[in-house]
């Protein structure tokens, strides 16, 4: 931790060009803040009502029976079912606010080890504007605490997780037919950003060093 640069990564040995320096696993993935209807399991865009497959557990919109009871949606599905809640958009040609709480809920439901990693990340929740507080309060905090009956998570804690996602999450890799989605990579989030980064991220593989460096240099990303 640095008083001027905050939490950051520093190389402890010499690194060669194109060397894999770390492999990171997302703490969570989820729809972006403003998204058209998507499958809660695979993230596929759902453009027409006739494309819809309703989850056998909670009734929420999925893209097909192959995504029913999938690992990504399974945990929230159980909570939805317990409280008779479903994500079923009214329209399929415009963004739907019902998805705004999904990634935050997935992070809140993580096991203790994941929670510890999550809360080490910078949040900047003090920078939220009043309008943002109103939107998140209505579309995220109220849904999670009141509609889904989770008073154990305070509004302040939920807003902190929202801000951690805003500050640290990155877009996942593009895939044909798939909507934009966010993934929260804890090791990547510990790297400072630079306009001239010395690493490059490859999803599903690793983070590669772009060029050789001696030890004790700061590792940065874009």
Protein backbone atom coordinates (compact mmCIF):
# COMPACT_ATOMS: atom_id res chain seq x y z
CA UNK A 1 0.00 0.00 0.00
CA UNK A 2 1.36 3.40 -1.00
CA UNK A 3 0.17 6.77 0.34
CA UNK A 4 0.29 8.19 -3.19
CA UNK A 5 -0.61 5.20 -5.37
CA UNK A 6 -2.81 3.17 -3.04
CA UNK A 7 -2.89 -0.62 -3.33
CA UNK A 8 -0.85 -1.77 -6.32
CA UNK A 9 1.24 -4.66 -7.66
CA UNK A 10 5.04 -4.61 -7.88
CA UNK A 11 7.22 -7.23 -9.56
CA UNK A 12 9.52 -9.12 -7.18
CA UNK A 13 11.68 -10.63 -9.94
CA UNK A 14 12.70 -9.99 -13.55
CA UNK A 15 9.92 -10.72 -16.07
CA UNK A 16 10.45 -11.73 -19.69
CA UNK A 17 8.41 -10.55 -22.71
CA UNK A 18 5.11 -12.43 -23.17
CA UNK A 19 5.56 -14.23 -19.87
CA UNK A 20 2.35 -15.15 -18.06
CA UNK A 21 2.53 -13.27 -14.78
CA UNK A 22 -0.83 -14.19 -13.25
CA UNK A 23 -4.07 -16.03 -13.85
CA UNK A 24 -7.14 -14.43 -12.30
CA UNK A 25 -10.61 -15.82 -11.63
CA UNK A 26 -13.65 -13.56 -11.51
CA UNK A 27 -15.34 -13.12 -8.16
CA UNK A 28 -18.56 -12.55 -10.05
CA UNK A 29 -20.09 -11.80 -13.43
CA UNK A 30 -23.35 -10.13 -14.35
CA UNK A 31 -25.26 -7.89 -16.74
CA UNK A 32 -24.12 -4.30 -17.23
CA UNK A 33 -26.09 -1.51 -15.56
CA UNK A 34 -28.12 -0.71 -18.69
CA UNK A 35 -28.85 -3.84 -20.68
CA UNK A 36 -31.56 -5.16 -22.91
CA UNK A 37 -33.09 -8.46 -21.73
CA UNK A 38 -30.52 -11.24 -21.38
CA UNK A 39 -30.32 -14.84 -20.29
CA UNK A 40 -29.41 -14.91 -16.59
CA UNK A 41 -27.25 -17.99 -17.14
CA UNK A 42 -25.18 -17.44 -20.31
CA UNK A 43 -25.82 -13.73 -20.96
CA UNK A 44 -27.26 -14.21 -24.45
CA UNK A 45 -29.35 -11.32 -25.74
CA UNK A 46 -33.05 -12.09 -25.95
CA UNK A 47 -34.57 -9.93 -28.68
CA UNK A 48 -38.06 -11.38 -29.04
CA UNK A 49 -40.59 -12.97 -26.68
CA UNK A 50 -40.61 -16.12 -28.82
CA UNK A 51 -36.93 -16.67 -27.91
CA UNK A 52 -37.77 -16.92 -24.21
CA UNK A 53 -37.34 -20.01 -22.09
CA UNK A 54 -38.66 -19.55 -18.56
CA UNK A 55 -36.49 -20.90 -15.75
CA UNK A 56 -38.02 -24.03 -14.27
CA UNK A 57 -37.16 -22.83 -10.78
CA UNK A 58 -38.13 -19.15 -10.58
CA UNK A 59 -39.72 -18.38 -13.95
CA UNK A 60 -37.14 -15.77 -14.96
CA UNK A 61 -36.20 -15.28 -18.60
CA UNK A 62 -33.51 -17.60 -20.01
CA UNK A 63 -32.53 -18.27 -23.62
CA UNK A 64 -33.11 -22.03 -23.78
CA UNK A 65 -33.64 -25.19 -21.79
CA UNK A 66 -29.88 -25.81 -21.85
CA UNK A 67 -29.48 -22.85 -19.47
CA UNK A 68 -32.10 -24.13 -17.03
CA UNK A 69 -30.57 -24.98 -13.63
CA UNK A 70 -27.18 -23.63 -14.70
CA UNK A 71 -24.47 -22.86 -12.16
CA UNK A 72 -24.40 -19.08 -12.69
CA UNK A 73 -28.12 -18.50 -12.05
CA UNK A 74 -28.73 -21.34 -9.58
CA UNK A 75 -28.08 -19.53 -6.31
CA UNK A 76 -30.16 -16.44 -7.02
CA UNK A 77 -32.83 -18.69 -8.54
CA UNK A 78 -33.34 -20.34 -5.17
CA UNK A 79 -33.81 -16.92 -3.52
CA UNK A 80 -36.16 -15.76 -6.29
CA UNK A 81 -38.25 -18.90 -5.89
CA UNK A 82 -38.49 -18.51 -2.12
CA UNK A 83 -39.91 -15.00 -2.54
CA UNK A 84 -42.01 -15.54 -5.69
CA UNK A 85 -39.82 -13.20 -7.73
CA UNK A 86 -38.96 -13.41 -11.43
CA UNK A 87 -37.16 -11.22 -13.94
CA UNK A 88 -39.59 -11.04 -16.87
CA UNK A 89 -39.15 -7.91 -19.01
CA UNK A 90 -42.18 -6.16 -20.48
CA UNK A 91 -40.26 -5.23 -23.64
CA UNK A 92 -37.35 -6.84 -25.44
CA UNK A 93 -36.21 -3.90 -27.60
CA UNK A 94 -35.02 -1.54 -24.86
CA UNK A 95 -32.92 -1.63 -21.65
CA UNK A 96 -34.59 -3.17 -18.61
CA UNK A 97 -33.85 -1.85 -15.10
CA UNK A 98 -34.72 -5.20 -13.54
CA UNK A 99 -31.18 -6.44 -14.25
CA UNK A 100 -29.40 -3.69 -12.31
CA UNK A 101 -29.26 -5.60 -9.01
CA UNK A 102 -28.18 -9.00 -10.36
CA UNK A 103 -24.38 -8.77 -10.19
CA UNK A 104 -24.51 -7.04 -6.80
CA UNK A 105 -26.71 -9.81 -5.39
CA UNK A 106 -24.34 -12.47 -6.75
CA UNK A 107 -21.41 -10.82 -5.00
CA UNK A 108 -23.33 -10.45 -1.74
CA UNK A 109 -24.15 -14.17 -1.82
CA UNK A 110 -20.52 -15.28 -2.13
CA UNK A 111 -18.84 -17.41 0.52
CA UNK A 112 -16.73 -15.77 3.24
CA UNK A 113 -13.42 -16.06 1.36
CA UNK A 114 -14.85 -14.26 -1.64
CA UNK A 115 -16.37 -11.59 0.58
CA UNK A 116 -12.98 -10.90 2.15
CA UNK A 117 -11.38 -10.42 -1.28
CA UNK A 118 -14.26 -8.24 -2.40
CA UNK A 119 -14.08 -5.86 0.54
CA UNK A 120 -10.35 -5.29 0.05
CA UNK A 121 -11.10 -3.48 -3.21
CA UNK A 122 -11.45 0.30 -3.49
CA UNK A 123 -15.05 1.52 -3.67
CA UNK A 124 -15.17 5.35 -3.90
CA UNK A 125 -18.76 5.19 -2.59
CA UNK A 126 -18.30 8.73 -1.30
CA UNK A 127 -18.35 9.94 -4.94
CA UNK A 128 -21.89 8.72 -5.68
CA UNK A 129 -24.15 11.60 -6.66
CA UNK A 130 -27.60 12.09 -5.14
CA UNK A 131 -29.20 11.00 -8.42
CA UNK A 132 -27.11 7.82 -8.44
CA UNK A 133 -28.02 7.14 -4.81
CA UNK A 134 -31.69 7.51 -5.72
CA UNK A 135 -31.43 5.17 -8.73
CA UNK A 136 -29.43 2.51 -6.87
CA UNK A 137 -31.66 2.83 -3.82
CA UNK A 138 -34.76 2.16 -5.92
CA UNK A 139 -33.47 -0.44 -8.38
CA UNK A 140 -30.90 -2.31 -6.28
CA UNK A 141 -31.14 -1.69 -2.53
CA UNK A 142 -34.93 -1.94 -2.29
CA UNK A 143 -35.08 -5.06 -4.46
CA UNK A 144 -32.40 -6.88 -2.47
CA UNK A 145 -33.46 -5.80 1.02
CA UNK A 146 -37.23 -5.54 0.73
CA UNK A 147 -38.50 -7.54 -2.24
CA UNK A 148 -36.06 -10.41 -1.68
CA UNK A 149 -36.11 -10.04 2.13
CA UNK A 150 -32.42 -9.57 2.94
CA UNK A 151 -32.28 -7.08 5.85
CA UNK A 152 -28.90 -8.52 6.92
CA UNK A 153 -27.27 -6.37 4.22
CA UNK A 154 -27.50 -2.71 5.15
CA UNK A 155 -28.11 -0.03 2.50
CA UNK A 156 -24.58 1.27 3.16
CA UNK A 157 -23.05 -2.16 2.57
CA UNK A 158 -25.00 -2.69 -0.64
CA UNK A 159 -23.96 0.74 -1.90
CA UNK A 160 -20.36 -0.12 -1.10
CA UNK A 161 -20.57 -3.29 -3.21
CA UNK A 162 -22.20 -1.30 -6.02
CA UNK A 163 -19.30 1.15 -5.88
CA UNK A 164 -16.72 -1.66 -5.85
CA UNK A 165 -18.27 -2.97 -9.07
CA UNK A 166 -18.31 0.53 -10.61
CA UNK A 167 -14.67 1.13 -9.69
CA UNK A 168 -13.13 -2.27 -10.44
CA UNK A 169 -15.23 -4.39 -12.79
CA UNK A 170 -14.31 -4.67 -16.44
CA UNK A 171 -16.25 -5.80 -19.50
CA UNK A 172 -16.01 -9.46 -20.32
CA UNK A 173 -14.82 -10.69 -23.73
CA UNK A 174 -17.16 -10.15 -26.67
CA UNK A 175 -19.01 -13.17 -27.92
CA UNK A 176 -21.44 -13.43 -30.82
CA UNK A 177 -25.03 -13.12 -29.64
CA UNK A 178 -24.02 -12.24 -26.11
CA UNK A 179 -24.81 -8.95 -24.40
CA UNK A 180 -22.15 -6.84 -22.71
CA UNK A 181 -21.44 -8.09 -19.21
CA UNK A 182 -19.18 -7.20 -16.31
CA UNK A 183 -16.66 -9.38 -14.52
CA UNK A 184 -14.86 -8.52 -11.31
CA UNK A 185 -11.26 -9.78 -11.36
CA UNK A 186 -9.67 -9.19 -7.93
CA UNK A 187 -6.00 -9.40 -8.97
CA UNK A 188 -6.53 -7.20 -12.01
CA UNK A 189 -8.37 -4.73 -9.78
CA UNK A 190 -5.26 -4.45 -7.60
CA UNK A 191 -3.22 -3.20 -10.56
CA UNK A 192 -3.00 0.54 -11.17
CA UNK A 193 -4.12 1.78 -14.57
CA UNK A 194 -1.78 3.44 -17.02
CA UNK A 195 -2.08 5.09 -20.44
CA UNK A 196 1.06 3.10 -21.32
CA UNK A 197 0.44 -0.24 -19.59
CA UNK A 198 3.10 -2.93 -19.43
CA UNK A 199 0.69 -5.88 -19.44
CA UNK A 200 -2.16 -7.14 -21.58
CA UNK A 201 -5.15 -9.15 -20.44
CA UNK A 202 -6.37 -12.21 -22.32
CA UNK A 203 -9.67 -13.53 -21.05
CA UNK A 204 -9.77 -17.21 -20.16
CA UNK A 205 -5.98 -17.40 -20.42
CA UNK A 206 -3.79 -15.07 -18.44
CA UNK A 207 -2.15 -11.70 -18.06
CA UNK A 208 0.98 -11.40 -20.20
CA UNK A 209 3.96 -9.13 -19.77
CA UNK A 210 4.34 -7.01 -22.91
CA UNK A 211 8.08 -6.47 -22.67
CA UNK A 212 10.96 -7.36 -20.40
CA UNK A 213 11.29 -5.59 -17.07
CA UNK A 214 13.63 -5.80 -14.14
CA UNK A 215 12.28 -6.52 -10.68
CA UNK A 216 10.74 -3.87 -8.44
CA UNK A 217 8.71 -2.15 -11.21
CA UNK A 218 5.01 -1.45 -10.88
CA UNK A 219 2.74 -3.71 -12.91
CA UNK A 220 -0.01 -1.75 -14.68
CA UNK A 221 -2.97 -2.40 -16.94
CA UNK A 222 -5.10 -0.31 -19.27
